[in-house]
Amino acid sequence: MSAEYLQKLFGFDGQVAVVIGGTGALGGTLCEGLAQAGAHVVVAGRSADRGNECVQAIKKLGGSANFAAVDATDRASVQALLDAAVKQHGRVHAAVNCAGVNSPTPYFDITDDEFNHIIAGNLLATHLGCQVFGKHMIEAGGGSILNIGSVSSFRPLSRVFIYSASKAAVLNLTRNVAREFAPHNVRVNCLCPGFFPAEQNRQILDKNRIDSILCHTPSGRLGNAPELIGATLLLLSPTAGSFITGEDVYVDGGFTAMTI
């Protein structure tokens, strides 16, 4: 199998990918993976410092990227992100909805404000990304959207009640939007990571919890962020993933397959 064949199958040369939430640890890794596959990557998020650090890391790897500020929970901000990307690059071929919020608050202590904050950060942000970028892709003749779910999209997970509910909703939204967009050559899929040492997990992944997770993970370890890149390239690729839509792919070391 030649490198040329693999590049044709999984490459993103000449394509523009926008990663909303690309300023985070996992999102930044996905940005680097897409850039190394040939895409120009728009690293979108709240933090200009972290976003520009990601852009510089991509450029050191020989890739192409720029930072764009966005509030993923604000429609006008998401629309402005799209408009700027189209003005600068002509169109957007791929979008990743990677912004996210987590919390370990005990169930009876969750306030309405915290509930709304988590739902907005996970579900509303994903909806806005799908709606704004999906409309552009339909008008442009095609594209691909990748939403970020979780192992808790599939089964209950203690200590992250509203996060789990919002990620289950993200998965359901993905399937419904995928069905709506499929006739227009726009694919929508959901990548569901297992346990990775991402920023939003630091307050939750104490030693006892990690030990419990590892007991239920056949691979016996936490994931490393670069292990999400392969599935991301597959699901976003217009060639390798051309007939994949409405699917959820779990990258979790076997966690969701574990029983006893």
Protein backbone atom coordinates (compact mmCIF):
# COMPACT_ATOMS: atom_id res chain seq x y z
CA MET A 1 0.00 0.00 0.00
CA SER A 2 1.60 3.23 -1.13
CA ALA A 3 1.78 6.51 0.75
CA GLU A 4 0.06 8.13 -2.22
CA TYR A 5 -2.92 5.79 -1.84
CA LEU A 6 -3.20 6.51 1.89
CA GLN A 7 -2.99 10.24 1.25
CA LYS A 8 -5.78 9.96 -1.30
CA LEU A 9 -7.89 7.94 1.12
CA PHE A 10 -7.32 9.91 4.32
CA GLY A 11 -5.74 13.15 3.12
CA PHE A 12 -7.27 16.61 3.42
CA ASP A 13 -5.16 18.53 0.94
CA GLY A 14 -6.90 21.73 -0.18
CA GLN A 15 -9.61 21.43 2.48
CA VAL A 16 -10.51 23.77 5.32
CA ALA A 17 -11.43 22.34 8.71
CA VAL A 18 -12.84 24.40 11.57
CA VAL A 19 -12.41 22.94 15.05
CA ILE A 20 -14.67 24.66 17.58
CA GLY A 21 -13.07 24.00 20.94
CA GLY A 22 -9.68 23.57 19.30
CA THR A 23 -8.07 25.51 22.12
CA GLY A 24 -8.60 22.61 24.53
CA ALA A 25 -6.24 19.69 25.05
CA LEU A 26 -8.14 17.12 23.01
CA GLY A 27 -9.38 19.66 20.47
CA GLY A 28 -5.84 20.91 19.94
CA THR A 29 -4.65 17.40 19.21
CA LEU A 30 -7.40 16.97 16.62
CA CYS A 31 -6.30 20.27 15.06
CA GLU A 32 -2.74 18.98 14.76
CA GLY A 33 -3.92 15.69 13.23
CA LEU A 34 -6.08 17.40 10.62
CA ALA A 35 -3.30 19.83 9.74
CA GLN A 36 -0.76 17.03 9.31
CA ALA A 37 -3.26 15.29 7.02
CA GLY A 38 -3.17 18.37 4.80
CA ALA A 39 -6.08 20.56 5.93
CA HIS A 40 -5.86 24.23 6.71
CA VAL A 41 -7.20 24.29 10.26
CA VAL A 42 -9.09 27.12 11.91
CA VAL A 43 -8.41 26.71 15.62
CA ALA A 44 -11.52 28.22 17.21
CA GLY A 45 -12.14 28.88 20.88
CA ARG A 46 -12.23 31.43 23.66
CA SER A 47 -8.55 31.62 24.57
CA ALA A 48 -6.37 33.48 22.08
CA ASP A 49 -3.23 32.47 24.00
CA ARG A 50 -3.96 28.74 23.80
CA GLY A 51 -5.29 29.04 20.29
CA ASN A 52 -2.15 30.75 19.02
CA GLU A 53 0.01 28.20 20.84
CA CYS A 54 -1.82 25.49 18.91
CA VAL A 55 -1.34 27.38 15.64
CA GLN A 56 2.39 27.70 16.27
CA ALA A 57 2.66 24.00 17.12
CA ILE A 58 0.91 23.16 13.84
CA LYS A 59 3.23 25.42 11.86
CA LYS A 60 6.27 23.80 13.46
CA LEU A 61 4.94 20.47 12.18
CA GLY A 62 4.71 21.95 8.70
CA GLY A 63 0.96 22.50 8.73
CA SER A 64 -1.28 25.49 8.05
CA ALA A 65 -3.58 27.06 10.62
CA ASN A 66 -5.00 30.24 12.07
CA PHE A 67 -6.80 31.12 15.30
CA ALA A 68 -10.32 32.52 15.46
CA ALA A 69 -12.17 33.56 18.60
CA VAL A 70 -15.64 32.11 19.17
CA ASP A 71 -18.24 31.68 21.88
CA ALA A 72 -19.66 28.30 20.91
CA THR A 73 -22.90 28.98 22.81
CA ASP A 74 -23.68 32.21 20.95
CA ARG A 75 -25.28 31.99 17.51
CA ALA A 76 -23.95 35.33 16.29
CA SER A 77 -20.42 34.35 17.31
CA VAL A 78 -20.61 30.97 15.55
CA GLN A 79 -22.01 32.65 12.43
CA ALA A 80 -19.20 35.22 12.53
CA LEU A 81 -16.68 32.37 12.76
CA LEU A 82 -18.12 30.77 9.62
CA ASP A 83 -18.32 34.07 7.76
CA ALA A 84 -14.67 34.86 8.53
CA ALA A 85 -13.52 31.39 7.45
CA VAL A 86 -15.45 31.62 4.18
CA LYS A 87 -14.16 35.12 3.50
CA GLN A 88 -10.56 34.04 4.09
CA HIS A 89 -10.59 30.52 2.62
CA GLY A 90 -13.58 30.34 0.27
CA ARG A 91 -15.50 27.58 2.06
CA VAL A 92 -15.40 25.11 4.95
CA HIS A 93 -15.21 21.39 4.15
CA ALA A 94 -15.16 19.95 7.68
CA ALA A 95 -16.23 21.09 11.13
CA VAL A 96 -15.63 19.61 14.56
CA ASN A 97 -17.86 20.52 17.50
CA CYS A 98 -15.40 19.93 20.32
CA ALA A 99 -16.35 22.54 22.94
CA GLY A 100 -17.46 21.00 26.22
CA VAL A 101 -18.28 21.54 29.89
CA ASN A 102 -18.13 19.02 32.73
CA SER A 103 -18.90 19.09 36.46
CA PRO A 104 -18.74 16.64 39.41
CA THR A 105 -21.43 18.41 41.46
CA PRO A 106 -23.54 15.95 43.51
CA TYR A 107 -26.95 15.52 41.92
CA PHE A 108 -29.04 17.23 44.63
CA ASP A 109 -26.63 20.19 44.65
CA ILE A 110 -26.90 20.98 40.95
CA THR A 111 -28.41 24.44 40.55
CA ASP A 112 -30.51 25.57 37.62
CA ASP A 113 -27.69 27.88 36.53
CA GLU A 114 -25.18 25.03 36.47
CA PHE A 115 -27.64 22.79 34.62
CA ASN A 116 -28.18 25.45 31.96
CA HIS A 117 -24.44 26.14 31.71
CA ILE A 118 -23.60 22.49 31.02
CA ILE A 119 -26.47 21.99 28.58
CA ALA A 120 -25.44 25.14 26.73
CA GLY A 121 -21.76 24.23 26.64
CA ASN A 122 -22.37 20.72 25.31
CA LEU A 123 -25.73 20.46 23.57
CA LEU A 124 -26.53 24.02 22.46
CA ALA A 125 -22.97 24.54 21.21
CA THR A 126 -23.16 21.34 19.16
CA HIS A 127 -26.56 22.30 17.77
CA LEU A 128 -25.33 25.74 16.71
CA GLY A 129 -22.24 24.26 15.06
CA CYS A 130 -24.35 21.76 13.13
CA GLN A 131 -26.96 24.31 12.12
CA VAL A 132 -24.64 27.14 11.07
CA PHE A 133 -21.93 25.07 9.39
CA GLY A 134 -24.37 22.48 8.05
CA LYS A 135 -26.35 25.13 6.17
CA HIS A 136 -23.13 26.43 4.60
CA MET A 137 -22.03 22.92 3.60
CA ILE A 138 -25.40 22.11 2.03
CA GLU A 139 -25.22 25.31 0.00
CA ALA A 140 -21.61 24.54 -0.98
CA GLY A 141 -22.48 21.03 -2.18
CA GLY A 142 -21.19 18.86 0.66
CA GLY A 143 -19.09 18.51 3.76
CA SER A 144 -18.65 16.65 7.01
CA ILE A 145 -19.36 17.44 10.66
CA LEU A 146 -17.95 15.60 13.65
CA ASN A 147 -19.58 16.00 17.04
CA ILE A 148 -17.90 14.92 20.26
CA GLY A 149 -19.89 12.62 22.50
CA SER A 150 -18.68 10.47 25.38
CA VAL A 151 -18.82 6.94 26.75
CA SER A 152 -21.63 8.39 28.87
CA SER A 153 -23.62 8.96 25.68
CA PHE A 154 -24.16 5.19 25.77
CA ARG A 155 -24.49 4.24 29.43
CA PRO A 156 -24.84 6.02 32.79
CA LEU A 157 -21.72 7.34 34.50
CA SER A 158 -21.58 8.38 38.14
CA ARG A 159 -20.72 11.93 39.29
CA VAL A 160 -21.31 13.63 35.93
CA PHE A 161 -25.09 13.66 35.74
CA ILE A 162 -25.92 16.61 33.50
CA TYR A 163 -22.78 16.12 31.42
CA SER A 164 -23.89 12.55 30.70
CA ALA A 165 -27.42 13.66 29.84
CA SER A 166 -26.10 16.36 27.51
CA LYS A 167 -23.75 13.95 25.75
CA ALA A 168 -26.56 11.43 25.26
CA ALA A 169 -28.50 14.26 23.65
CA VAL A 170 -25.51 15.12 21.44
CA LEU A 171 -25.53 11.56 20.13
CA ASN A 172 -29.27 11.68 19.45
CA LEU A 173 -28.91 15.08 17.77
CA THR A 174 -26.12 13.69 15.61
CA ARG A 175 -28.32 10.89 14.31
CA ASN A 176 -31.26 13.17 13.58
CA VAL A 177 -29.19 15.83 11.85
CA ALA A 178 -27.30 13.16 9.89
CA ARG A 179 -30.59 11.89 8.50
CA GLU A 180 -31.63 15.43 7.60
CA PHE A 181 -28.35 16.33 5.89
CA ALA A 182 -27.56 13.04 4.11
CA PRO A 183 -29.54 13.83 0.92
CA HIS A 184 -27.43 16.98 0.59
CA ASN A 185 -24.06 15.20 0.71
CA VAL A 186 -23.28 16.39 4.23
CA ARG A 187 -22.29 13.70 6.72
CA VAL A 188 -22.60 14.01 10.51
CA ASN A 189 -21.02 11.57 12.96
CA CYS A 190 -20.19 11.39 16.64
CA LEU A 191 -16.82 10.51 18.15
CA CYS A 192 -17.20 9.19 21.70
CA PRO A 193 -13.94 9.26 23.67
CA GLY A 194 -13.37 7.14 26.72
CA PHE A 195 -11.26 8.48 29.55
CA PHE A 196 -8.51 10.88 28.55
CA PRO A 197 -6.64 13.27 30.88
CA ALA A 198 -8.32 16.34 29.35
CA GLU A 199 -8.73 19.63 31.19
CA GLN A 200 -12.43 19.19 31.92
CA ASN A 201 -11.70 15.79 33.53
CA ARG A 202 -8.98 16.88 35.96
CA GLN A 203 -11.40 17.67 38.79
CA ILE A 204 -13.11 14.31 38.30
CA LEU A 205 -10.24 11.89 37.66
CA ASP A 206 -8.84 11.45 41.18
CA LYS A 207 -6.90 8.30 42.05
CA ASN A 208 -9.90 6.33 43.28
CA ARG A 209 -11.90 7.15 40.18
CA ILE A 210 -9.03 6.29 37.88
CA ASP A 211 -8.61 2.94 39.65
CA SER A 212 -12.33 2.25 39.18
CA ILE A 213 -12.18 3.22 35.51
CA LEU A 214 -9.20 1.00 34.84
CA CYS A 215 -10.99 -1.97 36.44
CA HIS A 216 -13.68 -1.53 33.79
CA THR A 217 -11.34 -0.86 30.87
CA PRO A 218 -10.00 -4.01 29.17
CA SER A 219 -7.01 -2.07 27.81
CA GLY A 220 -6.05 -1.26 31.39
CA ARG A 221 -5.08 2.39 30.88
CA LEU A 222 -6.35 5.86 30.06
CA GLY A 223 -6.29 7.06 26.48
CA ASN A 224 -3.70 9.33 24.93
CA ALA A 225 -5.05 12.26 22.93
CA PRO A 226 -3.32 11.30 19.63
CA GLU A 227 -5.28 8.04 19.71
CA LEU A 228 -8.36 10.04 18.71
CA ILE A 229 -6.84 11.27 15.46
CA GLY A 230 -7.32 8.11 13.39
CA ALA A 231 -11.06 7.91 14.02
CA THR A 232 -11.37 11.65 13.43
CA LEU A 233 -9.70 11.44 10.02
CA LEU A 234 -11.86 8.47 9.04
CA LEU A 235 -15.14 10.11 10.04
CA LEU A 236 -14.32 13.46 8.41
CA SER A 237 -12.63 12.13 5.28
CA PRO A 238 -14.69 12.67 2.11
CA THR A 239 -13.06 9.55 0.67
CA ALA A 240 -12.46 6.99 3.43
CA GLY A 241 -15.61 7.99 5.30
CA SER A 242 -17.82 8.81 2.34
CA PHE A 243 -20.57 6.31 3.28
CA ILE A 244 -20.41 6.79 7.04
CA THR A 245 -23.05 9.06 8.57
CA GLY A 246 -25.21 9.04 11.69
CA GLU A 247 -22.71 6.78 13.44
CA ASP A 248 -21.12 6.84 16.88
CA VAL A 249 -17.54 5.59 17.17
CA TYR A 250 -16.19 4.81 20.63
CA VAL A 251 -12.48 5.20 21.29
CA ASP A 252 -12.43 3.95 24.85
CA GLY A 253 -10.10 0.98 25.25
CA GLY A 254 -13.09 -1.34 25.45
CA PHE A 255 -14.85 0.47 28.33
CA THR A 256 -18.33 0.33 26.77
CA ALA A 257 -17.82 -3.33 25.83
CA MET A 258 -16.97 -4.36 29.40
CA THR A 259 -19.38 -6.39 31.51
CA ILE A 260 -17.59 -8.50 34.14
